Amino acid sequence: MKLKKLKVPKLVGLSARNASVVLTAAGFPSPDIHYTESYEPALTVVSQEPTRGQIVDSTTQVRLEVSQRNLMRFMPGIYQRTGEDGSNFLRDFFWIVQHLLDDVEGKLDVIHTYFDPYETPEDFLPWLASWVAFTLDENWPTEKKRYLLKKAVDFYRIRGTVKGLKLFLKLFTGVEPEILENEWPFRGFQIGVNSTIGLDSIILPPVNLAHCFIVDFPIHPEEVTDELIIKIHDIIQAQKPAHTTYFLRFRGERRLLSTFGIVIGEHAVGSGMEIVETDEEEQEYETSTALDLEPS
């Protein structure tokens, strides 16, 4: 893979935070920051490597020397003595402590941005979503997560409604279902009238249609996975009114299939042709598919 070449921008004189922003915007990774004693204002870049104007690979990490006062100045004089080679273990150790303290102070200075979905770090989004009881799908792109999290509170206005349920199902599955209110797929157990033994016969307790609805997904049952079914049930349970009962049904179009000769249970014309079903058979197929799913 060929690496992209970039020109190193001028960073000397900028604050360490602004220098990091400039480098990131230019396509570089986060800089390698080292503290040094200087008369420049605290956290000001005093030198950089590579220097300004050099052409380097986009993966190059720029080293920044940043001015800072060492905590050693608060220690008794005996601890500030240096060895013959100018080294001092305690001074070097305090630079590490200074980095940790400045990192915490830097976050506190911009703590307000952590509560804005458009500015908070990506790894903070799930925690921020927990504040408003909103679930983020880990497969969503970051931009979608930020937008939906910004709108999360507004979504509560339509929670428990047909509009809200369709919205959440579409957000998490990518498919918008049809919601049929005050309906139930079974009319009762009347053999030969509403039911046929072995095909669509089912015994259920009395159902109040005023508190029932059907969720029809335009997805063919062959394309449905166990994970998708569990996800849909979880969404409906979280968004529907507590007193209601629902029935989940998949009624998507059958894929175009190629077959040779006659297939048991299907009507095929010739060979290498797509399957053709009668209205009666299609209704029978949809009903048998619905029976595989247990109502809530």
Protein backbone atom coordinates (compact mmCIF):
# COMPACT_ATOMS: atom_id res chain seq x y z
CA MET A 1 0.00 0.00 0.00
CA LYS A 2 1.43 3.35 -1.04
CA LEU A 3 1.60 5.87 1.79
CA LYS A 4 0.30 9.37 1.31
CA LYS A 5 2.84 12.19 1.51
CA LEU A 6 2.02 15.23 3.62
CA LYS A 7 3.68 18.56 4.34
CA VAL A 8 4.40 19.22 8.00
CA PRO A 9 2.63 22.43 9.14
CA LYS A 10 4.13 25.06 11.42
CA LEU A 11 3.35 24.25 15.02
CA VAL A 12 5.87 26.26 17.01
CA GLY A 13 4.12 28.98 19.00
CA LEU A 14 0.78 27.18 19.13
CA SER A 15 -0.67 25.66 22.26
CA ALA A 16 -0.30 21.89 22.54
CA ARG A 17 -4.06 21.45 22.11
CA ASN A 18 -4.24 23.60 18.98
CA ALA A 19 -1.17 21.89 17.54
CA SER A 20 -2.89 18.52 17.95
CA VAL A 21 -5.98 19.83 16.15
CA VAL A 22 -3.87 21.20 13.28
CA LEU A 23 -2.01 17.92 12.86
CA THR A 24 -5.18 15.83 12.94
CA ALA A 25 -6.85 18.10 10.38
CA ALA A 26 -3.79 17.80 8.13
CA GLY A 27 -4.01 14.00 8.21
CA PHE A 28 -1.32 13.19 10.77
CA PRO A 29 -1.79 11.01 13.86
CA SER A 30 -1.82 12.56 17.33
CA PRO A 31 1.56 14.11 18.19
CA ASP A 32 4.15 12.76 20.62
CA ILE A 33 4.31 15.46 23.31
CA HIS A 34 7.29 15.93 25.61
CA TYR A 35 7.61 18.59 28.32
CA THR A 36 10.65 20.84 28.70
CA GLU A 37 11.58 23.78 30.90
CA SER A 38 11.08 27.06 29.03
CA TYR A 39 10.26 30.74 29.56
CA GLU A 40 7.42 30.45 27.04
CA PRO A 41 3.84 30.39 28.36
CA ALA A 42 2.83 27.01 29.75
CA LEU A 43 1.85 24.32 27.22
CA THR A 44 3.28 26.27 24.24
CA VAL A 45 5.08 24.35 21.49
CA VAL A 46 8.74 25.45 21.50
CA SER A 47 10.09 23.00 18.92
CA GLN A 48 8.92 20.28 16.55
CA GLU A 49 10.42 17.33 14.72
CA PRO A 50 10.07 17.01 11.73
CA THR A 51 10.33 20.74 11.21
CA ARG A 52 7.94 22.92 9.25
CA GLY A 53 7.71 22.29 5.52
CA GLN A 54 9.19 18.78 5.41
CA ILE A 55 7.42 16.19 3.25
CA VAL A 56 6.82 12.98 5.22
CA ASP A 57 4.53 9.94 5.24
CA SER A 58 1.03 10.44 6.62
CA THR A 59 1.79 7.89 9.36
CA THR A 60 4.67 9.96 10.77
CA GLN A 61 4.14 10.99 14.38
CA VAL A 62 5.36 14.53 14.97
CA ARG A 63 7.34 15.06 18.16
CA LEU A 64 6.52 18.28 20.01
CA GLU A 65 8.56 19.92 22.76
CA VAL A 66 6.09 21.80 24.99
CA SER A 67 6.98 24.32 27.67
CA GLN A 68 6.00 23.46 31.23
CA ARG A 69 7.21 24.02 34.79
CA ASN A 70 8.43 20.89 36.53
CA LEU A 71 6.89 19.98 39.88
CA MET A 72 10.42 19.58 41.17
CA ARG A 73 10.37 23.28 42.09
CA PHE A 74 8.07 22.44 45.01
CA MET A 75 10.52 19.92 46.47
CA PRO A 76 13.25 20.72 49.04
CA GLY A 77 16.59 21.76 47.56
CA ILE A 78 18.27 18.47 48.43
CA TYR A 79 16.01 16.66 45.97
CA GLN A 80 16.72 19.15 43.18
CA ARG A 81 20.40 18.29 42.94
CA THR A 82 21.52 16.73 39.67
CA GLY A 83 24.18 14.14 39.03
CA GLU A 84 27.47 14.76 37.26
CA ASP A 85 25.81 14.04 33.93
CA GLY A 86 22.92 16.44 34.72
CA SER A 87 20.38 13.68 35.28
CA ASN A 88 17.83 13.63 38.08
CA PHE A 89 15.49 10.65 38.46
CA LEU A 90 12.94 12.55 40.52
CA ARG A 91 12.73 15.34 37.95
CA ASP A 92 12.10 12.84 35.14
CA PHE A 93 9.52 11.08 37.27
CA PHE A 94 7.70 14.36 37.92
CA TRP A 95 7.44 14.95 34.14
CA ILE A 96 5.35 11.78 33.95
CA VAL A 97 3.15 12.98 36.80
CA GLN A 98 2.86 16.38 35.08
CA HIS A 99 1.63 14.72 31.89
CA LEU A 100 -1.06 12.84 33.81
CA LEU A 101 -2.21 15.94 35.69
CA ASP A 102 -2.32 18.08 32.55
CA ASP A 103 -4.29 15.40 30.74
CA VAL A 104 -6.94 15.48 33.47
CA GLU A 105 -6.96 19.28 33.59
CA GLY A 106 -7.25 19.42 29.82
CA LYS A 107 -10.38 17.26 29.92
CA LEU A 108 -11.87 19.34 32.70
CA ASP A 109 -11.32 22.50 30.66
CA VAL A 110 -13.50 21.10 27.86
CA ILE A 111 -15.84 18.97 30.01
CA HIS A 112 -18.87 20.73 28.51
CA THR A 113 -18.11 19.24 25.09
CA TYR A 114 -18.53 15.71 26.51
CA PHE A 115 -22.25 16.36 26.90
CA ASP A 116 -22.78 17.43 23.28
CA PRO A 117 -23.38 14.43 20.96
CA TYR A 118 -21.64 16.22 18.09
CA GLU A 119 -18.48 17.05 20.08
CA THR A 120 -18.06 14.23 22.57
CA PRO A 121 -15.41 11.56 21.83
CA GLU A 122 -16.74 8.53 19.99
CA ASP A 123 -16.01 6.12 22.84
CA PHE A 124 -18.09 8.34 25.16
CA LEU A 125 -21.24 8.06 23.01
CA PRO A 126 -22.63 4.83 24.57
CA TRP A 127 -22.28 6.28 28.07
CA LEU A 128 -23.96 9.51 26.99
CA ALA A 129 -26.76 7.46 25.38
CA SER A 130 -27.37 5.72 28.70
CA TRP A 131 -28.31 9.09 30.19
CA VAL A 132 -31.42 9.21 27.99
CA ALA A 133 -32.03 5.41 27.94
CA PHE A 134 -31.26 5.24 24.22
CA THR A 135 -29.62 2.17 22.70
CA LEU A 136 -26.97 2.64 20.01
CA ASP A 137 -26.32 -0.08 17.46
CA GLU A 138 -22.57 -0.75 17.34
CA ASN A 139 -22.82 -1.23 13.55
CA TRP A 140 -24.09 2.32 12.96
CA PRO A 141 -21.62 4.86 11.56
CA THR A 142 -20.48 7.49 14.05
CA GLU A 143 -22.37 10.27 12.26
CA LYS A 144 -25.65 8.37 12.61
CA LYS A 145 -25.01 7.70 16.30
CA ARG A 146 -24.41 11.40 16.98
CA TYR A 147 -27.51 12.50 15.05
CA LEU A 148 -29.86 9.99 16.69
CA LEU A 149 -28.47 10.70 20.13
CA LYS A 150 -29.15 14.40 19.58
CA LYS A 151 -32.76 13.52 18.68
CA ALA A 152 -33.21 10.87 21.38
CA VAL A 153 -35.24 13.05 23.75
CA ASP A 154 -37.55 14.14 20.91
CA PHE A 155 -38.25 10.48 20.14
CA TYR A 156 -39.93 10.07 23.52
CA ARG A 157 -42.79 12.27 22.32
CA ILE A 158 -43.87 9.56 19.88
CA ARG A 159 -43.01 6.55 22.01
CA GLY A 160 -45.83 4.03 22.18
CA THR A 161 -47.41 5.28 18.94
CA VAL A 162 -47.53 3.67 15.51
CA LYS A 163 -45.20 6.38 14.20
CA GLY A 164 -42.69 5.79 16.95
CA LEU A 165 -42.74 2.01 16.61
CA LYS A 166 -42.23 2.17 12.84
CA LEU A 167 -39.41 4.66 13.29
CA PHE A 168 -37.47 2.54 15.77
CA LEU A 169 -37.95 -0.65 13.79
CA LYS A 170 -36.67 1.07 10.66
CA LEU A 171 -33.68 2.56 12.50
CA PHE A 172 -32.52 -0.79 13.87
CA THR A 173 -33.46 -3.10 10.98
CA GLY A 174 -33.27 -0.84 7.94
CA VAL A 175 -36.78 -1.92 6.88
CA GLU A 176 -40.00 -0.04 7.61
CA PRO A 177 -42.84 -2.41 8.55
CA GLU A 178 -46.58 -1.95 8.23
CA ILE A 179 -48.51 -1.66 11.50
CA LEU A 180 -52.12 -2.88 11.44
CA GLU A 181 -53.96 -1.57 14.48
CA ASN A 182 -56.94 -3.34 16.11
CA GLU A 183 -56.33 -6.48 14.10
CA TRP A 184 -55.40 -10.09 14.84
CA PRO A 185 -54.46 -12.74 12.28
CA PHE A 186 -56.85 -15.41 13.64
CA ARG A 187 -60.63 -15.17 13.82
CA GLY A 188 -61.32 -18.10 16.12
CA PHE A 189 -61.51 -21.85 16.01
CA GLN A 190 -64.35 -22.74 13.58
CA ILE A 191 -63.38 -25.82 11.58
CA GLY A 192 -64.17 -25.41 7.91
CA VAL A 193 -65.23 -21.77 8.37
CA ASN A 194 -62.21 -19.86 9.62
CA SER A 195 -59.73 -22.71 10.05
CA THR A 196 -58.53 -25.78 8.22
CA ILE A 197 -57.21 -28.68 10.28
CA GLY A 198 -53.43 -28.90 9.97
CA LEU A 199 -53.01 -25.64 8.08
CA ASP A 200 -54.23 -22.61 10.02
CA SER A 201 -55.94 -24.09 13.06
CA ILE A 202 -54.91 -22.56 16.38
CA ILE A 203 -56.47 -22.25 19.84
CA LEU A 204 -55.95 -18.97 21.66
CA PRO A 205 -57.56 -17.26 24.65
CA PRO A 206 -60.03 -14.42 23.97
CA VAL A 207 -58.35 -11.50 22.26
CA ASN A 208 -59.42 -7.86 22.64
CA LEU A 209 -58.85 -6.32 19.21
CA ALA A 210 -58.79 -2.84 20.74
CA HIS A 211 -55.47 -3.72 22.33
CA CYS A 212 -53.94 -5.72 19.46
CA PHE A 213 -51.86 -4.94 16.44
CA ILE A 214 -49.97 -6.79 13.72
CA VAL A 215 -46.44 -5.94 12.62
CA ASP A 216 -45.95 -6.90 8.96
CA PHE A 217 -42.34 -6.85 7.77
CA PRO A 218 -41.74 -6.77 4.00
CA ILE A 219 -39.02 -9.41 4.38
CA HIS A 220 -39.26 -12.94 3.03
CA PRO A 221 -39.06 -15.58 5.80
CA GLU A 222 -36.09 -17.23 4.08
CA GLU A 223 -34.08 -14.03 4.65
CA VAL A 224 -34.94 -13.77 8.35
CA THR A 225 -32.29 -14.73 10.92
CA ASP A 226 -32.73 -15.60 14.58
CA GLU A 227 -30.76 -12.48 15.52
CA LEU A 228 -33.13 -10.29 13.50
CA ILE A 229 -36.22 -11.84 15.11
CA ILE A 230 -34.82 -11.32 18.60
CA LYS A 231 -33.87 -7.73 17.78
CA ILE A 232 -37.36 -6.94 16.42
CA HIS A 233 -39.09 -8.48 19.44
CA ASP A 234 -36.84 -6.50 21.81
CA ILE A 235 -37.63 -3.24 20.00
CA ILE A 236 -41.37 -3.84 19.96
CA GLN A 237 -41.43 -4.82 23.64
CA ALA A 238 -39.54 -1.64 24.55
CA GLN A 239 -41.67 0.72 22.44
CA LYS A 240 -45.24 -0.65 22.54
CA PRO A 241 -47.79 0.26 25.23
CA ALA A 242 -47.56 -2.26 28.08
CA HIS A 243 -51.21 -3.38 27.83
CA THR A 244 -51.12 -4.26 24.12
CA THR A 245 -50.53 -7.56 22.35
CA TYR A 246 -48.82 -7.86 19.00
CA PHE A 247 -48.26 -10.44 16.28
CA LEU A 248 -45.06 -10.40 14.23
CA ARG A 249 -45.35 -11.52 10.64
CA PHE A 250 -42.96 -11.62 7.68
CA ARG A 251 -44.68 -11.27 4.34
CA GLY A 252 -41.96 -10.30 1.89
CA GLU A 253 -41.91 -11.26 -1.75
CA ARG A 254 -40.46 -14.63 -2.66
CA ARG A 255 -37.13 -14.54 -4.44
CA LEU A 256 -37.02 -15.42 -8.12
CA LEU A 257 -36.01 -19.09 -8.17
CA SER A 258 -34.84 -21.23 -11.04
CA THR A 259 -35.87 -24.89 -11.07
CA PHE A 260 -35.90 -27.90 -13.34
CA GLY A 261 -39.19 -29.68 -13.84
CA ILE A 262 -41.84 -30.06 -11.13
CA VAL A 263 -41.16 -29.21 -7.47
CA ILE A 264 -43.35 -30.82 -4.80
CA GLY A 265 -45.67 -28.22 -3.31
CA GLU A 266 -45.00 -25.71 -6.09
CA HIS A 267 -46.31 -25.19 -9.60
CA ALA A 268 -43.56 -24.79 -12.19
CA VAL A 269 -43.96 -24.13 -15.89
CA GLY A 270 -41.37 -25.87 -18.08
CA SER A 271 -37.76 -25.98 -16.95
CA GLY A 272 -35.49 -23.13 -15.92
CA MET A 273 -38.54 -20.94 -15.25
CA GLU A 274 -39.37 -18.95 -12.13
CA ILE A 275 -41.91 -20.42 -9.74
CA VAL A 276 -45.53 -19.40 -10.27
CA GLU A 277 -48.00 -19.79 -7.40
CA THR A 278 -51.76 -19.49 -7.35
CA ASP A 279 -53.45 -16.99 -5.04
CA GLU A 280 -54.72 -19.84 -2.89
CA GLU A 281 -51.25 -21.33 -2.49
CA GLU A 282 -49.70 -17.93 -1.78
CA GLN A 283 -52.23 -17.21 0.98
CA GLU A 284 -51.62 -20.67 2.39
CA TYR A 285 -47.84 -20.06 2.39
CA GLU A 286 -48.17 -16.72 4.17
CA THR A 287 -50.43 -18.21 6.84
CA SER A 288 -48.16 -21.18 7.51
CA THR A 289 -45.20 -18.79 7.80
CA ALA A 290 -47.08 -16.69 10.34
CA LEU A 291 -47.84 -19.77 12.40
CA ASP A 292 -44.13 -20.34 12.97
CA LEU A 293 -43.99 -17.18 15.07
CA GLU A 294 -45.55 -17.11 18.52
CA PRO A 295 -47.49 -13.97 19.43
CA SER A 296 -46.34 -11.94 22.46
